[in-house]
Amino acid sequence: MRLSEILGDAKDKGLSQADSCRLPVVTYRKNMESSECNICMAEYEEGEILKILPCFHSFHSMCIDKWISKNATCPICRVEVSLKSPTIS
């Protein structure tokens, strides 16, 4: 018996590329609080494009795009990344 038959079809639990594109972006400046990407562990350089998650953690755009396509959580605090609009009751 194959593992896929036991576990069923594995589905990514990440965001779509369209949703990932909706995350806010900023251009890194040396006076910003965070100085390195916690995914690739490289220091940010002036002018690099970063994406900001709803929990306010920032990452290189390419790094978080790859992560978020598989996992809809922040790699640091594991807060779920949701781009749904809040409902008003």
N, C-alpha and C. Protein backbone atom coordinates (compact mmCIF):
# COMPACT_ATOMS: atom_id res chain seq x y z
N MET A 1 0.85 -1.18 0.00
CA MET A 1 0.00 0.00 0.00
C MET A 1 0.90 1.24 0.00
N ARG A 2 0.56 2.21 -0.85
CA ARG A 2 1.33 3.45 -0.94
C ARG A 2 0.92 4.40 0.18
N LEU A 3 1.87 5.22 0.59
CA LEU A 3 1.61 6.19 1.65
C LEU A 3 0.46 7.12 1.29
N SER A 4 0.39 7.53 0.02
CA SER A 4 -0.70 8.42 -0.40
C SER A 4 -2.06 7.74 -0.25
N GLU A 5 -2.10 6.42 -0.37
CA GLU A 5 -3.36 5.70 -0.19
C GLU A 5 -3.76 5.68 1.28
N ILE A 6 -2.78 5.64 2.15
CA ILE A 6 -3.06 5.62 3.59
C ILE A 6 -3.48 7.01 4.07
N LEU A 7 -2.72 8.03 3.65
CA LEU A 7 -2.95 9.38 4.14
C LEU A 7 -3.94 10.17 3.31
N GLY A 8 -4.21 9.74 2.11
CA GLY A 8 -5.05 10.51 1.21
C GLY A 8 -4.20 11.54 0.48
N ASP A 9 -4.82 12.30 -0.38
CA ASP A 9 -4.09 13.31 -1.13
C ASP A 9 -3.59 14.40 -0.21
N ALA A 10 -2.30 14.68 -0.30
CA ALA A 10 -1.72 15.77 0.48
C ALA A 10 -2.01 17.08 -0.24
N LYS A 11 -2.51 18.03 0.49
CA LYS A 11 -2.81 19.34 -0.08
C LYS A 11 -1.96 20.38 0.62
N ASP A 12 -1.49 21.35 -0.16
CA ASP A 12 -0.78 22.45 0.46
C ASP A 12 -1.74 23.22 1.34
N LYS A 13 -1.23 23.69 2.46
CA LYS A 13 -2.06 24.46 3.39
C LYS A 13 -1.68 25.93 3.30
N GLY A 14 -1.15 26.31 2.16
CA GLY A 14 -0.66 27.67 2.00
C GLY A 14 -1.63 28.58 1.28
N LEU A 15 -1.15 29.79 1.03
CA LEU A 15 -1.93 30.79 0.31
C LEU A 15 -1.70 30.65 -1.19
N SER A 16 -2.65 31.08 -1.95
CA SER A 16 -2.48 31.11 -3.40
C SER A 16 -1.50 32.23 -3.76
N GLN A 17 -0.98 32.18 -4.96
CA GLN A 17 -0.06 33.23 -5.41
C GLN A 17 -0.79 34.57 -5.44
N ALA A 18 -2.05 34.56 -5.81
CA ALA A 18 -2.84 35.81 -5.84
C ALA A 18 -2.95 36.41 -4.44
N ASP A 19 -3.20 35.56 -3.43
CA ASP A 19 -3.29 36.06 -2.06
C ASP A 19 -1.93 36.54 -1.55
N SER A 20 -0.88 35.82 -1.90
CA SER A 20 0.46 36.22 -1.50
C SER A 20 0.81 37.60 -2.06
N CYS A 21 0.34 37.89 -3.26
CA CYS A 21 0.60 39.19 -3.88
C CYS A 21 -0.13 40.32 -3.16
N ARG A 22 -1.13 39.98 -2.37
CA ARG A 22 -1.89 41.00 -1.63
C ARG A 22 -1.23 41.39 -0.31
N LEU A 23 -0.18 40.68 0.10
CA LEU A 23 0.52 41.05 1.33
C LEU A 23 1.22 42.39 1.14
N PRO A 24 1.23 43.23 2.17
CA PRO A 24 1.89 44.53 2.03
C PRO A 24 3.39 44.39 1.82
N VAL A 25 3.95 45.28 1.02
CA VAL A 25 5.39 45.29 0.76
C VAL A 25 5.99 46.63 1.20
N VAL A 26 7.25 46.57 1.61
CA VAL A 26 8.00 47.78 1.96
C VAL A 26 9.40 47.65 1.37
N THR A 27 10.04 48.76 1.18
CA THR A 27 11.44 48.78 0.74
C THR A 27 12.30 48.94 1.99
N TYR A 28 13.26 48.05 2.17
CA TYR A 28 14.09 48.06 3.38
C TYR A 28 14.97 49.31 3.45
N ARG A 29 14.98 49.91 4.61
CA ARG A 29 15.86 51.04 4.94
C ARG A 29 16.62 50.66 6.21
N LYS A 30 17.84 51.11 6.32
CA LYS A 30 18.70 50.72 7.45
C LYS A 30 18.13 51.09 8.81
N ASN A 31 17.23 52.06 8.88
CA ASN A 31 16.67 52.46 10.18
C ASN A 31 15.48 51.60 10.61
N MET A 32 15.13 50.58 9.83
CA MET A 32 14.01 49.72 10.20
C MET A 32 14.42 48.78 11.33
N GLU A 33 13.43 48.35 12.10
CA GLU A 33 13.68 47.55 13.30
C GLU A 33 14.32 46.19 12.99
N SER A 34 13.77 45.46 12.05
CA SER A 34 14.27 44.13 11.72
C SER A 34 15.44 44.25 10.75
N SER A 35 16.47 43.42 10.93
CA SER A 35 17.65 43.55 10.07
C SER A 35 17.98 42.29 9.27
N GLU A 36 17.27 41.17 9.54
CA GLU A 36 17.56 39.96 8.76
C GLU A 36 16.30 39.15 8.54
N CYS A 37 16.32 38.40 7.44
CA CYS A 37 15.22 37.51 7.08
C CYS A 37 15.38 36.22 7.88
N ASN A 38 14.36 35.86 8.63
CA ASN A 38 14.44 34.65 9.45
C ASN A 38 14.18 33.38 8.67
N ILE A 39 13.99 33.48 7.37
CA ILE A 39 13.86 32.28 6.54
C ILE A 39 15.22 31.93 5.96
N CYS A 40 15.86 32.87 5.27
CA CYS A 40 17.16 32.59 4.65
C CYS A 40 18.34 33.00 5.54
N MET A 41 18.05 33.72 6.61
CA MET A 41 19.04 34.17 7.60
C MET A 41 20.03 35.20 7.04
N ALA A 42 19.74 35.79 5.90
CA ALA A 42 20.60 36.83 5.34
C ALA A 42 20.16 38.19 5.86
N GLU A 43 21.13 39.08 6.05
CA GLU A 43 20.80 40.43 6.46
C GLU A 43 20.16 41.17 5.29
N TYR A 44 19.19 42.01 5.62
CA TYR A 44 18.56 42.82 4.60
C TYR A 44 19.55 43.86 4.10
N GLU A 45 19.43 44.20 2.83
CA GLU A 45 20.25 45.24 2.25
C GLU A 45 19.35 46.39 1.82
N GLU A 46 19.89 47.58 1.89
CA GLU A 46 19.16 48.79 1.52
C GLU A 46 18.49 48.61 0.16
N GLY A 47 17.19 48.90 0.11
CA GLY A 47 16.44 48.85 -1.14
C GLY A 47 15.77 47.52 -1.46
N GLU A 48 16.03 46.47 -0.66
CA GLU A 48 15.38 45.18 -0.92
C GLU A 48 13.89 45.27 -0.60
N ILE A 49 13.11 44.48 -1.33
CA ILE A 49 11.66 44.44 -1.12
C ILE A 49 11.33 43.38 -0.07
N LEU A 50 10.60 43.80 0.95
CA LEU A 50 10.17 42.90 2.03
C LEU A 50 8.66 42.82 2.03
N LYS A 51 8.14 41.69 2.47
CA LYS A 51 6.70 41.55 2.68
C LYS A 51 6.46 41.51 4.17
N ILE A 52 5.35 42.12 4.57
CA ILE A 52 4.98 42.20 5.98
C ILE A 52 3.73 41.34 6.19
N LEU A 53 3.81 40.43 7.15
CA LEU A 53 2.65 39.59 7.48
C LEU A 53 1.74 40.33 8.46
N PRO A 54 0.50 39.87 8.62
CA PRO A 54 -0.43 40.53 9.56
C PRO A 54 0.10 40.61 11.00
N CYS A 55 1.02 39.72 11.37
CA CYS A 55 1.62 39.74 12.72
C CYS A 55 2.78 40.74 12.79
N PHE A 56 3.07 41.42 11.68
CA PHE A 56 4.10 42.44 11.55
C PHE A 56 5.53 41.90 11.43
N HIS A 57 5.70 40.59 11.25
CA HIS A 57 7.03 40.06 10.95
C HIS A 57 7.30 40.30 9.47
N SER A 58 8.56 40.59 9.13
CA SER A 58 8.92 40.88 7.74
C SER A 58 9.95 39.87 7.23
N PHE A 59 9.91 39.66 5.91
CA PHE A 59 10.79 38.68 5.25
C PHE A 59 11.08 39.17 3.84
N HIS A 60 12.19 38.65 3.25
CA HIS A 60 12.39 38.90 1.83
C HIS A 60 11.14 38.44 1.10
N SER A 61 10.74 39.17 0.10
CA SER A 61 9.54 38.84 -0.65
C SER A 61 9.61 37.42 -1.23
N MET A 62 10.73 37.08 -1.86
CA MET A 62 10.86 35.74 -2.47
C MET A 62 10.85 34.64 -1.42
N CYS A 63 11.45 34.89 -0.27
CA CYS A 63 11.50 33.87 0.80
C CYS A 63 10.11 33.58 1.34
N ILE A 64 9.36 34.63 1.67
CA ILE A 64 8.04 34.41 2.26
C ILE A 64 7.06 33.88 1.22
N ASP A 65 7.22 34.27 -0.05
CA ASP A 65 6.33 33.73 -1.09
C ASP A 65 6.45 32.21 -1.17
N LYS A 66 7.68 31.72 -1.10
CA LYS A 66 7.89 30.27 -1.16
C LYS A 66 7.30 29.60 0.08
N TRP A 67 7.56 30.16 1.26
CA TRP A 67 7.05 29.61 2.52
C TRP A 67 5.52 29.61 2.53
N ILE A 68 4.95 30.77 2.21
CA ILE A 68 3.50 30.96 2.36
C ILE A 68 2.71 30.13 1.36
N SER A 69 3.36 29.67 0.28
CA SER A 69 2.65 28.81 -0.68
C SER A 69 2.43 27.41 -0.10
N LYS A 70 3.19 27.05 0.92
CA LYS A 70 3.05 25.73 1.55
C LYS A 70 2.42 25.80 2.94
N ASN A 71 2.63 26.93 3.64
CA ASN A 71 2.18 27.07 5.03
C ASN A 71 1.55 28.44 5.21
N ALA A 72 0.30 28.50 5.59
CA ALA A 72 -0.38 29.79 5.78
C ALA A 72 -0.19 30.29 7.21
N THR A 73 1.04 30.18 7.69
CA THR A 73 1.38 30.67 9.03
C THR A 73 2.69 31.43 8.97
N CYS A 74 2.90 32.29 9.94
CA CYS A 74 4.16 33.01 10.05
C CYS A 74 5.24 32.02 10.48
N PRO A 75 6.41 32.02 9.82
CA PRO A 75 7.47 31.09 10.22
C PRO A 75 8.07 31.39 11.59
N ILE A 76 7.82 32.57 12.13
CA ILE A 76 8.36 32.92 13.45
C ILE A 76 7.36 32.59 14.56
N CYS A 77 6.18 33.18 14.48
CA CYS A 77 5.22 33.05 15.59
C CYS A 77 4.08 32.08 15.31
N ARG A 78 4.00 31.56 14.09
CA ARG A 78 3.00 30.57 13.67
C ARG A 78 1.56 31.10 13.66
N VAL A 79 1.40 32.42 13.71
CA VAL A 79 0.06 33.00 13.58
C VAL A 79 -0.43 32.73 12.16
N GLU A 80 -1.70 32.37 12.04
CA GLU A 80 -2.27 32.10 10.73
C GLU A 80 -2.31 33.37 9.90
N VAL A 81 -1.87 33.26 8.66
CA VAL A 81 -1.91 34.38 7.73
C VAL A 81 -3.22 34.29 6.97
N SER A 82 -4.10 35.23 7.24
CA SER A 82 -5.41 35.26 6.60
C SER A 82 -5.62 36.63 6.00
N LEU A 83 -6.07 36.65 4.77
CA LEU A 83 -6.32 37.92 4.09
C LEU A 83 -7.80 38.18 3.95
N LYS A 84 -8.60 37.45 4.71
CA LYS A 84 -10.05 37.64 4.66
C LYS A 84 -10.40 38.97 5.31
N SER A 85 -11.36 39.64 4.73
CA SER A 85 -11.83 40.89 5.32
C SER A 85 -12.63 40.58 6.57
N PRO A 86 -12.45 41.38 7.62
CA PRO A 86 -13.23 41.13 8.83
C PRO A 86 -14.71 41.38 8.56
N THR A 87 -15.54 40.60 9.23
CA THR A 87 -16.99 40.79 9.07
C THR A 87 -17.49 41.68 10.19
N ILE A 88 -18.44 42.52 9.86
CA ILE A 88 -19.02 43.42 10.85
C ILE A 88 -20.36 42.84 11.28
N SER A 89 -20.53 42.70 12.58
CA SER A 89 -21.79 42.14 13.06
C SER A 89 -22.60 43.16 13.80
